[in-house]
N, C-alpha and C. Protein backbone atom coordinates (compact mmCIF):
# COMPACT_ATOMS: atom_id res chain seq x y z
N MET A 1 0.82 -1.20 0.00
CA MET A 1 0.00 0.00 0.00
C MET A 1 0.86 1.26 0.00
N ALA A 2 1.84 1.31 0.89
CA ALA A 2 2.71 2.49 0.96
C ALA A 2 3.56 2.61 -0.30
N PHE A 3 3.97 1.45 -0.85
CA PHE A 3 4.76 1.48 -2.08
C PHE A 3 3.94 2.06 -3.23
N ASP A 4 2.66 1.70 -3.29
CA ASP A 4 1.80 2.22 -4.36
C ASP A 4 1.59 3.72 -4.22
N ILE A 5 1.48 4.20 -2.99
CA ILE A 5 1.30 5.65 -2.78
C ILE A 5 2.56 6.41 -3.21
N ILE A 6 3.72 5.88 -2.84
CA ILE A 6 4.97 6.53 -3.25
C ILE A 6 5.12 6.50 -4.76
N ALA A 7 4.85 5.35 -5.37
CA ALA A 7 4.95 5.24 -6.83
C ALA A 7 3.95 6.17 -7.51
N GLY A 8 2.74 6.24 -6.98
CA GLY A 8 1.74 7.15 -7.55
C GLY A 8 2.15 8.61 -7.44
N ALA A 9 2.74 8.97 -6.31
CA ALA A 9 3.20 10.36 -6.14
C ALA A 9 4.31 10.69 -7.13
N LEU A 10 5.21 9.74 -7.36
CA LEU A 10 6.27 9.97 -8.35
C LEU A 10 5.70 10.10 -9.76
N ILE A 11 4.70 9.31 -10.08
CA ILE A 11 4.07 9.38 -11.40
C ILE A 11 3.36 10.72 -11.58
N ILE A 12 2.65 11.16 -10.56
CA ILE A 12 1.97 12.46 -10.64
C ILE A 12 2.99 13.58 -10.76
N PHE A 13 4.07 13.51 -9.98
CA PHE A 13 5.13 14.51 -10.08
C PHE A 13 5.72 14.56 -11.49
N ALA A 14 6.00 13.40 -12.06
CA ALA A 14 6.57 13.34 -13.41
C ALA A 14 5.58 13.89 -14.44
N GLY A 15 4.31 13.57 -14.28
CA GLY A 15 3.30 14.09 -15.20
C GLY A 15 3.17 15.60 -15.14
N ILE A 16 3.17 16.13 -13.93
CA ILE A 16 3.09 17.60 -13.78
C ILE A 16 4.32 18.26 -14.38
N LEU A 17 5.48 17.67 -14.16
CA LEU A 17 6.71 18.22 -14.73
C LEU A 17 6.67 18.20 -16.26
N MET A 18 6.12 17.14 -16.84
CA MET A 18 6.00 17.07 -18.29
C MET A 18 5.03 18.11 -18.84
N VAL A 19 3.93 18.32 -18.13
CA VAL A 19 2.97 19.34 -18.58
C VAL A 19 3.59 20.73 -18.49
N ILE A 20 4.28 21.01 -17.40
CA ILE A 20 4.94 22.31 -17.25
C ILE A 20 5.97 22.51 -18.36
N THR A 21 6.73 21.48 -18.68
CA THR A 21 7.72 21.58 -19.75
C THR A 21 7.05 21.81 -21.09
N ALA A 22 5.93 21.13 -21.34
CA ALA A 22 5.22 21.32 -22.61
C ALA A 22 4.70 22.75 -22.75
N VAL A 23 4.16 23.29 -21.67
CA VAL A 23 3.67 24.68 -21.70
C VAL A 23 4.84 25.64 -21.92
N ALA A 24 5.95 25.39 -21.25
CA ALA A 24 7.12 26.25 -21.42
C ALA A 24 7.67 26.16 -22.84
N LEU A 25 7.65 24.97 -23.43
CA LEU A 25 8.08 24.82 -24.82
C LEU A 25 7.18 25.61 -25.76
N TRP A 26 5.90 25.59 -25.48
CA TRP A 26 4.94 26.32 -26.30
C TRP A 26 5.21 27.82 -26.26
N ARG A 27 5.63 28.32 -25.11
CA ARG A 27 5.83 29.76 -24.92
C ARG A 27 7.26 30.22 -25.16
N ALA A 28 8.17 29.32 -25.42
CA ALA A 28 9.59 29.68 -25.58
C ALA A 28 9.78 30.53 -26.84
N PRO A 29 10.61 31.57 -26.74
CA PRO A 29 10.76 32.49 -27.86
C PRO A 29 11.64 31.99 -29.00
N ASP A 30 12.62 31.12 -28.71
CA ASP A 30 13.53 30.71 -29.77
C ASP A 30 13.95 29.25 -29.60
N ALA A 31 14.68 28.75 -30.59
CA ALA A 31 15.05 27.34 -30.62
C ALA A 31 16.03 26.98 -29.50
N LEU A 32 16.92 27.86 -29.15
CA LEU A 32 17.88 27.56 -28.09
C LEU A 32 17.18 27.38 -26.75
N THR A 33 16.22 28.22 -26.47
CA THR A 33 15.45 28.09 -25.23
C THR A 33 14.67 26.79 -25.23
N ARG A 34 14.07 26.43 -26.35
CA ARG A 34 13.33 25.17 -26.44
C ARG A 34 14.24 23.98 -26.20
N ALA A 35 15.43 24.02 -26.76
CA ALA A 35 16.38 22.91 -26.56
C ALA A 35 16.76 22.77 -25.10
N ASN A 36 16.92 23.87 -24.40
CA ASN A 36 17.29 23.82 -22.99
C ASN A 36 16.14 23.41 -22.09
N LEU A 37 14.91 23.60 -22.53
CA LEU A 37 13.75 23.26 -21.71
C LEU A 37 13.49 21.76 -21.63
N LEU A 38 14.11 20.98 -22.48
CA LEU A 38 13.87 19.53 -22.46
C LEU A 38 14.60 18.84 -21.32
N GLY A 39 15.53 19.53 -20.68
CA GLY A 39 16.32 18.93 -19.60
C GLY A 39 15.51 18.41 -18.43
N PRO A 40 14.56 19.17 -17.88
CA PRO A 40 13.81 18.65 -16.74
C PRO A 40 13.01 17.39 -17.05
N THR A 41 12.46 17.32 -18.25
CA THR A 41 11.69 16.13 -18.59
C THR A 41 12.60 14.92 -18.75
N THR A 42 13.67 15.08 -19.48
CA THR A 42 14.57 13.95 -19.72
C THR A 42 15.38 13.60 -18.48
N GLY A 43 15.79 14.60 -17.73
CA GLY A 43 16.67 14.36 -16.60
C GLY A 43 15.99 14.02 -15.29
N VAL A 44 14.72 14.43 -15.14
CA VAL A 44 14.03 14.21 -13.86
C VAL A 44 12.75 13.38 -14.04
N ALA A 45 11.89 13.77 -14.97
CA ALA A 45 10.58 13.13 -15.09
C ALA A 45 10.68 11.68 -15.57
N MET A 46 11.46 11.44 -16.60
CA MET A 46 11.56 10.07 -17.12
C MET A 46 12.22 9.12 -16.12
N PRO A 47 13.34 9.49 -15.48
CA PRO A 47 13.87 8.61 -14.44
C PRO A 47 12.89 8.42 -13.26
N SER A 48 12.08 9.44 -12.96
CA SER A 48 11.09 9.29 -11.89
C SER A 48 10.07 8.22 -12.24
N LEU A 49 9.69 8.15 -13.51
CA LEU A 49 8.75 7.10 -13.93
C LEU A 49 9.37 5.71 -13.80
N VAL A 50 10.64 5.59 -14.14
CA VAL A 50 11.32 4.30 -14.00
C VAL A 50 11.44 3.92 -12.53
N ILE A 51 11.78 4.87 -11.68
CA ILE A 51 11.88 4.61 -10.25
C ILE A 51 10.51 4.23 -9.67
N ALA A 52 9.46 4.88 -10.14
CA ALA A 52 8.10 4.54 -9.68
C ALA A 52 7.76 3.10 -10.05
N LYS A 53 8.16 2.66 -11.23
CA LYS A 53 7.91 1.28 -11.64
C LYS A 53 8.66 0.31 -10.74
N VAL A 54 9.90 0.63 -10.40
CA VAL A 54 10.68 -0.24 -9.52
C VAL A 54 10.05 -0.29 -8.13
N ILE A 55 9.62 0.85 -7.62
CA ILE A 55 8.98 0.88 -6.30
C ILE A 55 7.69 0.08 -6.31
N HIS A 56 6.92 0.19 -7.38
CA HIS A 56 5.69 -0.60 -7.49
C HIS A 56 6.01 -2.09 -7.53
N ASP A 57 7.04 -2.48 -8.27
CA ASP A 57 7.43 -3.89 -8.33
C ASP A 57 7.89 -4.40 -6.97
N ILE A 58 8.61 -3.57 -6.22
CA ILE A 58 9.04 -3.97 -4.88
C ILE A 58 7.82 -4.19 -3.98
N GLY A 59 6.85 -3.30 -4.06
CA GLY A 59 5.64 -3.44 -3.26
C GLY A 59 4.82 -4.66 -3.63
N ALA A 60 4.81 -5.01 -4.92
CA ALA A 60 4.05 -6.17 -5.38
C ALA A 60 4.81 -7.47 -5.18
N GLY A 61 6.08 -7.39 -4.83
CA GLY A 61 6.89 -8.58 -4.64
C GLY A 61 7.40 -9.18 -5.94
N ASP A 62 7.35 -8.42 -7.02
CA ASP A 62 7.79 -8.90 -8.33
C ASP A 62 9.18 -8.40 -8.71
N VAL A 63 9.94 -7.95 -7.76
CA VAL A 63 11.25 -7.37 -8.06
C VAL A 63 12.24 -8.50 -8.40
N SER A 64 13.06 -8.23 -9.39
CA SER A 64 14.10 -9.18 -9.76
C SER A 64 15.39 -8.42 -10.05
N VAL A 65 16.48 -9.12 -10.04
CA VAL A 65 17.76 -8.49 -10.31
C VAL A 65 17.78 -7.96 -11.74
N GLY A 66 17.22 -8.73 -12.67
CA GLY A 66 17.15 -8.29 -14.06
C GLY A 66 16.35 -7.01 -14.22
N GLY A 67 15.24 -6.91 -13.49
CA GLY A 67 14.43 -5.69 -13.55
C GLY A 67 15.16 -4.49 -12.99
N LEU A 68 15.90 -4.69 -11.91
CA LEU A 68 16.68 -3.59 -11.33
C LEU A 68 17.80 -3.14 -12.27
N ILE A 69 18.44 -4.11 -12.93
CA ILE A 69 19.50 -3.76 -13.88
C ILE A 69 18.91 -3.01 -15.07
N ARG A 70 17.75 -3.47 -15.57
CA ARG A 70 17.11 -2.76 -16.68
C ARG A 70 16.73 -1.34 -16.29
N ALA A 71 16.22 -1.17 -15.07
CA ALA A 71 15.85 0.17 -14.61
C ALA A 71 17.08 1.06 -14.50
N LEU A 72 18.16 0.54 -13.96
CA LEU A 72 19.40 1.31 -13.85
C LEU A 72 19.94 1.68 -15.23
N LEU A 73 19.92 0.74 -16.16
CA LEU A 73 20.38 1.02 -17.52
C LEU A 73 19.49 2.05 -18.21
N ALA A 74 18.18 1.99 -17.95
CA ALA A 74 17.27 2.97 -18.56
C ALA A 74 17.56 4.37 -18.04
N ILE A 75 17.78 4.50 -16.75
CA ILE A 75 18.08 5.82 -16.17
C ILE A 75 19.41 6.35 -16.71
N VAL A 76 20.42 5.50 -16.77
CA VAL A 76 21.71 5.92 -17.33
C VAL A 76 21.55 6.31 -18.79
N ALA A 77 20.75 5.56 -19.54
CA ALA A 77 20.53 5.89 -20.95
C ALA A 77 19.84 7.23 -21.10
N PHE A 78 18.85 7.52 -20.26
CA PHE A 78 18.19 8.83 -20.30
C PHE A 78 19.21 9.95 -20.09
N LEU A 79 20.08 9.79 -19.11
CA LEU A 79 21.05 10.83 -18.81
C LEU A 79 22.10 10.98 -19.91
N VAL A 80 22.51 9.86 -20.52
CA VAL A 80 23.47 9.94 -21.62
C VAL A 80 22.84 10.62 -22.82
N VAL A 81 21.60 10.25 -23.14
CA VAL A 81 20.91 10.88 -24.27
C VAL A 81 20.72 12.37 -24.01
N LEU A 82 20.42 12.73 -22.77
CA LEU A 82 20.27 14.15 -22.43
C LEU A 82 21.57 14.90 -22.65
N ALA A 83 22.68 14.35 -22.20
CA ALA A 83 23.97 15.03 -22.34
C ALA A 83 24.38 15.14 -23.80
N ILE A 84 24.31 14.05 -24.53
CA ILE A 84 24.73 14.07 -25.94
C ILE A 84 23.78 14.91 -26.77
N GLY A 85 22.48 14.78 -26.53
CA GLY A 85 21.50 15.57 -27.27
C GLY A 85 21.66 17.06 -27.04
N SER A 86 21.91 17.45 -25.80
CA SER A 86 22.13 18.87 -25.51
C SER A 86 23.38 19.39 -26.21
N PHE A 87 24.42 18.58 -26.21
CA PHE A 87 25.66 18.99 -26.88
C PHE A 87 25.44 19.17 -28.38
N VAL A 88 24.78 18.20 -29.00
CA VAL A 88 24.55 18.26 -30.45
C VAL A 88 23.64 19.43 -30.81
N MET A 89 22.56 19.61 -30.05
CA MET A 89 21.66 20.73 -30.34
C MET A 89 22.35 22.07 -30.12
N GLY A 90 23.15 22.17 -29.07
CA GLY A 90 23.87 23.41 -28.83
C GLY A 90 24.86 23.73 -29.94
N ARG A 91 25.58 22.72 -30.41
CA ARG A 91 26.53 22.93 -31.51
C ARG A 91 25.81 23.34 -32.79
N SER A 92 24.69 22.69 -33.09
CA SER A 92 23.99 23.02 -34.32
C SER A 92 23.37 24.41 -34.25
N LEU A 93 22.84 24.78 -33.09
CA LEU A 93 22.26 26.12 -32.96
C LEU A 93 23.34 27.19 -33.00
N LEU A 94 24.50 26.90 -32.43
CA LEU A 94 25.61 27.85 -32.51
C LEU A 94 26.08 28.00 -33.96
N GLY A 95 26.17 26.89 -34.68
CA GLY A 95 26.55 26.96 -36.08
C GLY A 95 25.55 27.74 -36.91
N LEU A 96 24.27 27.57 -36.62
CA LEU A 96 23.24 28.32 -37.33
C LEU A 96 23.35 29.81 -37.03
N ALA A 97 23.60 30.15 -35.78
CA ALA A 97 23.74 31.56 -35.41
C ALA A 97 24.96 32.18 -36.08
N LEU A 98 26.05 31.44 -36.15
CA LEU A 98 27.25 31.96 -36.81
C LEU A 98 27.04 32.13 -38.31
N GLU A 99 26.32 31.19 -38.94
CA GLU A 99 26.02 31.32 -40.37
C GLU A 99 25.14 32.54 -40.63
N GLN A 100 24.15 32.75 -39.78
CA GLN A 100 23.27 33.91 -39.97
C GLN A 100 24.05 35.21 -39.76
N GLU A 101 24.97 35.21 -38.81
CA GLU A 101 25.78 36.41 -38.56
C GLU A 101 26.70 36.70 -39.75
N ASP A 102 27.29 35.65 -40.33
CA ASP A 102 28.16 35.84 -41.49
C ASP A 102 27.39 36.34 -42.70
N SER A 103 26.20 35.80 -42.92
CA SER A 103 25.42 36.21 -44.09
C SER A 103 24.88 37.63 -43.94
N SER A 104 24.62 38.07 -42.71
CA SER A 104 24.10 39.43 -42.51
C SER A 104 25.21 40.47 -42.59
N SER A 105 26.45 40.07 -42.34
CA SER A 105 27.55 41.03 -42.39
C SER A 105 28.07 41.25 -43.81
N ARG A 106 27.64 40.41 -44.74
CA ARG A 106 28.11 40.55 -46.13
C ARG A 106 27.32 41.54 -46.88
């Protein structure tokens, strides 16, 4: 019972964070801001959902070593994708800004 309440609270927290991020993306003025706004969803909300699943499995008695390893790998994968994706988007947006600056100065 307590495990389900904790898992449910994590799911609600992750859902609220995703909605807030979606609204912020809708209102963001430029592409760089939109790229930076994806961090809370990828870095906090998605791992929270995975942790909620693990907590629910522990409460139901269905926890296994394989499930824990998959959850850990999923969280690490989210964080790696966040880091690499932010780097790639930042480089491409910087390159776009430099190209626009060069074309306007000619």
